[in-house]
Amino acid sequence: MAKDLLISKYRRQEVENKYINRMQFQLTEEYTDGEFDYKQLKTRYESALQKLPEKQRTVFMMSRMGELKYTEIAQLLDISIKTVEKRMSNALFYLRKALVV
Protein backbone atom coordinates (compact mmCIF):
# COMPACT_ATOMS: atom_id res chain seq x y z
CA MET A 1 0.00 0.00 0.00
CA ALA A 2 2.84 2.40 0.85
CA LYS A 3 4.46 1.58 -2.47
CA ASP A 4 1.24 2.41 -4.34
CA LEU A 5 0.90 5.72 -2.50
CA LEU A 6 4.49 6.61 -3.31
CA ILE A 7 4.01 5.79 -7.00
CA SER A 8 0.78 7.80 -7.15
CA LYS A 9 2.46 10.79 -5.53
CA TYR A 10 5.39 10.54 -7.94
CA ARG A 11 3.04 10.46 -10.96
CA ARG A 12 1.11 13.51 -9.71
CA GLN A 13 4.39 15.33 -9.15
CA GLU A 14 5.52 14.53 -12.71
CA VAL A 15 2.26 15.81 -14.20
CA GLU A 16 2.48 18.98 -12.10
CA ASN A 17 6.10 19.60 -13.15
CA LYS A 18 5.28 19.14 -16.84
CA TYR A 19 2.37 21.56 -16.54
CA ILE A 20 4.48 24.19 -14.76
CA ASN A 21 7.28 23.89 -17.33
CA ARG A 22 4.82 24.22 -20.20
CA MET A 23 3.21 27.31 -18.65
CA GLN A 24 6.57 28.99 -18.07
CA PHE A 25 7.55 28.39 -21.70
CA GLN A 26 4.27 29.85 -22.96
CA LEU A 27 4.58 32.95 -20.80
CA THR A 28 8.16 33.73 -21.81
CA GLU A 29 7.36 33.04 -25.46
CA GLU A 30 4.40 35.40 -25.38
CA TYR A 31 6.36 38.31 -23.97
CA THR A 32 9.40 37.93 -26.18
CA ASP A 33 7.35 37.62 -29.37
CA GLY A 34 4.92 40.43 -28.59
CA GLU A 35 7.17 43.33 -27.59
CA PHE A 36 4.30 45.22 -26.05
CA ASP A 37 4.77 48.98 -26.25
CA TYR A 38 2.77 50.57 -23.45
CA LYS A 39 3.58 54.17 -24.38
CA GLN A 40 2.37 53.71 -27.93
CA LEU A 41 -0.87 52.13 -26.74
CA LYS A 42 -1.41 54.93 -24.23
CA THR A 43 -0.92 57.56 -26.95
CA ARG A 44 -3.39 55.81 -29.25
CA TYR A 45 -5.90 55.50 -26.39
CA GLU A 46 -5.68 59.19 -25.52
CA SER A 47 -6.00 60.15 -29.18
CA ALA A 48 -9.05 57.91 -29.59
CA LEU A 49 -10.64 59.43 -26.48
CA GLN A 50 -10.19 62.92 -27.90
CA LYS A 51 -11.89 61.88 -31.16
CA LEU A 52 -14.97 60.53 -29.37
CA PRO A 53 -18.06 62.73 -29.58
CA GLU A 54 -18.40 64.87 -26.45
CA LYS A 55 -21.51 63.12 -25.12
CA GLN A 56 -20.00 59.64 -25.51
CA ARG A 57 -16.70 60.76 -23.97
CA THR A 58 -18.53 62.28 -21.00
CA VAL A 59 -20.46 59.07 -20.30
CA PHE A 60 -17.34 56.94 -20.80
CA MET A 61 -15.23 59.05 -18.45
CA MET A 62 -17.93 59.16 -15.78
CA SER A 63 -18.30 55.39 -15.93
CA ARG A 64 -14.69 54.29 -16.26
CA MET A 65 -12.76 57.05 -14.52
CA GLY A 66 -15.41 58.31 -12.13
CA GLU A 67 -16.62 54.77 -11.41
CA LEU A 68 -20.25 55.85 -11.48
CA LYS A 69 -23.09 53.45 -12.21
CA TYR A 70 -25.30 53.98 -15.23
CA THR A 71 -28.21 55.08 -13.02
CA GLU A 72 -26.01 57.72 -11.35
CA ILE A 73 -24.79 58.98 -14.72
CA ALA A 74 -28.37 59.17 -16.01
CA GLN A 75 -29.42 61.21 -13.00
CA LEU A 76 -26.45 63.59 -13.21
CA LEU A 77 -26.86 64.20 -16.94
CA ASP A 78 -30.67 64.15 -16.81
CA ILE A 79 -30.97 61.45 -19.47
CA SER A 80 -32.45 57.95 -19.53
CA ILE A 81 -30.50 54.87 -18.55
CA LYS A 82 -31.01 53.50 -22.07
CA THR A 83 -29.31 56.62 -23.47
CA VAL A 84 -26.37 56.07 -21.13
CA GLU A 85 -26.16 52.43 -22.24
CA LYS A 86 -26.26 53.39 -25.93
CA ARG A 87 -23.60 56.09 -25.57
CA MET A 88 -21.37 53.73 -23.60
CA SER A 89 -21.84 50.98 -26.16
CA ASN A 90 -20.95 53.34 -29.01
CA ALA A 91 -17.90 54.66 -27.14
CA LEU A 92 -16.60 51.15 -26.41
CA PHE A 93 -17.18 50.07 -30.00
CA TYR A 94 -15.23 53.05 -31.30
CA LEU A 95 -12.37 52.59 -28.83
CA ARG A 96 -12.05 48.88 -29.62
CA LYS A 97 -11.93 49.65 -33.32
CA ALA A 98 -9.39 52.47 -32.84
CA LEU A 99 -7.06 50.42 -30.61
CA VAL A 100 -6.96 47.19 -32.61
CA VAL A 101 -3.93 47.07 -34.85
C-alpha atoms as a PDB file:
ATOM      1  CA  MET A   1       0.000   0.000   0.000  1.00  0.00           C
ATOM      2  CA  ALA A   2       2.838   2.396   0.850  1.00  0.00           C
ATOM      3  CA  LYS A   3       4.464   1.576  -2.471  1.00  0.00           C
ATOM      4  CA  ASP A   4       1.243   2.412  -4.343  1.00  0.00           C
ATOM      5  CA  LEU A   5       0.898   5.724  -2.498  1.00  0.00           C
ATOM      6  CA  LEU A   6       4.490   6.612  -3.305  1.00  0.00           C
ATOM      7  CA  ILE A   7       4.013   5.792  -6.997  1.00  0.00           C
ATOM      8  CA  SER A   8       0.783   7.803  -7.152  1.00  0.00           C
ATOM      9  CA  LYS A   9       2.457  10.788  -5.532  1.00  0.00           C
ATOM     10  CA  TYR A  10       5.388  10.540  -7.940  1.00  0.00           C
ATOM     11  CA  ARG A  11       3.042  10.464 -10.964  1.00  0.00           C
ATOM     12  CA  ARG A  12       1.112  13.509  -9.710  1.00  0.00           C
ATOM     13  CA  GLN A  13       4.394  15.331  -9.149  1.00  0.00           C
ATOM     14  CA  GLU A  14       5.515  14.532 -12.706  1.00  0.00           C
ATOM     15  CA  VAL A  15       2.256  15.814 -14.198  1.00  0.00           C
ATOM     16  CA  GLU A  16       2.479  18.976 -12.105  1.00  0.00           C
ATOM     17  CA  ASN A  17       6.096  19.600 -13.146  1.00  0.00           C
ATOM     18  CA  LYS A  18       5.276  19.138 -16.842  1.00  0.00           C
ATOM     19  CA  TYR A  19       2.374  21.559 -16.542  1.00  0.00           C
ATOM     20  CA  ILE A  20       4.483  24.192 -14.758  1.00  0.00           C
ATOM     21  CA  ASN A  21       7.283  23.893 -17.333  1.00  0.00           C
ATOM     22  CA  ARG A  22       4.824  24.219 -20.201  1.00  0.00           C
ATOM     23  CA  MET A  23       3.209  27.312 -18.655  1.00  0.00           C
ATOM     24  CA  GLN A  24       6.572  28.987 -18.069  1.00  0.00           C
ATOM     25  CA  PHE A  25       7.547  28.389 -21.696  1.00  0.00           C
ATOM     26  CA  GLN A  26       4.269  29.853 -22.961  1.00  0.00           C
ATOM     27  CA  LEU A  27       4.581  32.952 -20.797  1.00  0.00           C
ATOM     28  CA  THR A  28       8.158  33.726 -21.811  1.00  0.00           C
ATOM     29  CA  GLU A  29       7.362  33.035 -25.462  1.00  0.00           C
ATOM     30  CA  GLU A  30       4.399  35.396 -25.375  1.00  0.00           C
ATOM     31  CA  TYR A  31       6.361  38.306 -23.967  1.00  0.00           C
ATOM     32  CA  THR A  32       9.403  37.935 -26.182  1.00  0.00           C
ATOM     33  CA  ASP A  33       7.349  37.619 -29.374  1.00  0.00           C
ATOM     34  CA  GLY A  34       4.921  40.427 -28.587  1.00  0.00           C
ATOM     35  CA  GLU A  35       7.173  43.332 -27.585  1.00  0.00           C
ATOM     36  CA  PHE A  36       4.302  45.220 -26.050  1.00  0.00           C
ATOM     37  CA  ASP A  37       4.775  48.981 -26.246  1.00  0.00           C
ATOM     38  CA  TYR A  38       2.771  50.573 -23.449  1.00  0.00           C
ATOM     39  CA  LYS A  39       3.581  54.170 -24.381  1.00  0.00           C
ATOM     40  CA  GLN A  40       2.371  53.709 -27.927  1.00  0.00           C
ATOM     41  CA  LEU A  41      -0.874  52.129 -26.738  1.00  0.00           C
ATOM     42  CA  LYS A  42      -1.414  54.934 -24.234  1.00  0.00           C
ATOM     43  CA  THR A  43      -0.919  57.560 -26.945  1.00  0.00           C
ATOM     44  CA  ARG A  44      -3.392  55.805 -29.246  1.00  0.00           C
ATOM     45  CA  TYR A  45      -5.905  55.498 -26.391  1.00  0.00           C
ATOM     46  CA  GLU A  46      -5.683  59.194 -25.521  1.00  0.00           C
ATOM     47  CA  SER A  47      -6.002  60.148 -29.176  1.00  0.00           C
ATOM     48  CA  ALA A  48      -9.051  57.909 -29.591  1.00  0.00           C
ATOM     49  CA  LEU A  49     -10.636  59.433 -26.482  1.00  0.00           C
ATOM     50  CA  GLN A  50     -10.189  62.916 -27.904  1.00  0.00           C
ATOM     51  CA  LYS A  51     -11.886  61.876 -31.159  1.00  0.00           C
ATOM     52  CA  LEU A  52     -14.969  60.531 -29.367  1.00  0.00           C
ATOM     53  CA  PRO A  53     -18.062  62.728 -29.581  1.00  0.00           C
ATOM     54  CA  GLU A  54     -18.402  64.866 -26.447  1.00  0.00           C
ATOM     55  CA  LYS A  55     -21.511  63.115 -25.116  1.00  0.00           C
ATOM     56  CA  GLN A  56     -19.999  59.642 -25.510  1.00  0.00           C
ATOM     57  CA  ARG A  57     -16.704  60.759 -23.974  1.00  0.00           C
ATOM     58  CA  THR A  58     -18.529  62.278 -20.998  1.00  0.00           C
ATOM     59  CA  VAL A  59     -20.455  59.070 -20.295  1.00  0.00           C
ATOM     60  CA  PHE A  60     -17.336  56.938 -20.805  1.00  0.00           C
ATOM     61  CA  MET A  61     -15.225  59.054 -18.453  1.00  0.00           C
ATOM     62  CA  MET A  62     -17.925  59.156 -15.784  1.00  0.00           C
ATOM     63  CA  SER A  63     -18.301  55.386 -15.934  1.00  0.00           C
ATOM     64  CA  ARG A  64     -14.686  54.285 -16.257  1.00  0.00           C
ATOM     65  CA  MET A  65     -12.759  57.049 -14.519  1.00  0.00           C
ATOM     66  CA  GLY A  66     -15.410  58.308 -12.133  1.00  0.00           C
ATOM     67  CA  GLU A  67     -16.622  54.768 -11.410  1.00  0.00           C
ATOM     68  CA  LEU A  68     -20.251  55.845 -11.485  1.00  0.00           C
ATOM     69  CA  LYS A  69     -23.090  53.453 -12.211  1.00  0.00           C
ATOM     70  CA  TYR A  70     -25.304  53.985 -15.229  1.00  0.00           C
ATOM     71  CA  THR A  71     -28.212  55.082 -13.018  1.00  0.00           C
ATOM     72  CA  GLU A  72     -26.013  57.716 -11.354  1.00  0.00           C
ATOM     73  CA  ILE A  73     -24.789  58.984 -14.722  1.00  0.00           C
ATOM     74  CA  ALA A  74     -28.366  59.166 -16.008  1.00  0.00           C
ATOM     75  CA  GLN A  75     -29.423  61.211 -12.999  1.00  0.00           C
ATOM     76  CA  LEU A  76     -26.455  63.587 -13.211  1.00  0.00           C
ATOM     77  CA  LEU A  77     -26.862  64.196 -16.943  1.00  0.00           C
ATOM     78  CA  ASP A  78     -30.667  64.150 -16.805  1.00  0.00           C
ATOM     79  CA  ILE A  79     -30.974  61.449 -19.473  1.00  0.00           C
ATOM     80  CA  SER A  80     -32.452  57.952 -19.525  1.00  0.00           C
ATOM     81  CA  ILE A  81     -30.499  54.866 -18.551  1.00  0.00           C
ATOM     82  CA  LYS A  82     -31.010  53.504 -22.068  1.00  0.00           C
ATOM     83  CA  THR A  83     -29.314  56.618 -23.467  1.00  0.00           C
ATOM     84  CA  VAL A  84     -26.370  56.065 -21.132  1.00  0.00           C
ATOM     85  CA  GLU A  85     -26.157  52.431 -22.242  1.00  0.00           C
ATOM     86  CA  LYS A  86     -26.263  53.393 -25.934  1.00  0.00           C
ATOM     87  CA  ARG A  87     -23.600  56.087 -25.565  1.00  0.00           C
ATOM     88  CA  MET A  88     -21.370  53.730 -23.602  1.00  0.00           C
ATOM     89  CA  SER A  89     -21.840  50.976 -26.162  1.00  0.00           C
ATOM     90  CA  ASN A  90     -20.949  53.337 -29.008  1.00  0.00           C
ATOM     91  CA  ALA A  91     -17.904  54.658 -27.142  1.00  0.00           C
ATOM     92  CA  LEU A  92     -16.604  51.155 -26.406  1.00  0.00           C
ATOM     93  CA  PHE A  93     -17.177  50.070 -30.001  1.00  0.00           C
ATOM     94  CA  TYR A  94     -15.227  53.054 -31.304  1.00  0.00           C
ATOM     95  CA  LEU A  95     -12.371  52.592 -28.833  1.00  0.00           C
ATOM     96  CA  ARG A  96     -12.051  48.881 -29.622  1.00  0.00           C
ATOM     97  CA  LYS A  97     -11.934  49.654 -33.323  1.00  0.00           C
ATOM     98  CA  ALA A  98      -9.393  52.465 -32.838  1.00  0.00           C
ATOM     99  CA  LEU A  99      -7.057  50.423 -30.609  1.00  0.00           C
ATOM    100  CA  VAL A 100      -6.963  47.192 -32.610  1.00  0.00           C
ATOM    101  CA  VAL A 101      -3.931  47.067 -34.852  1.00  0.00           C
END
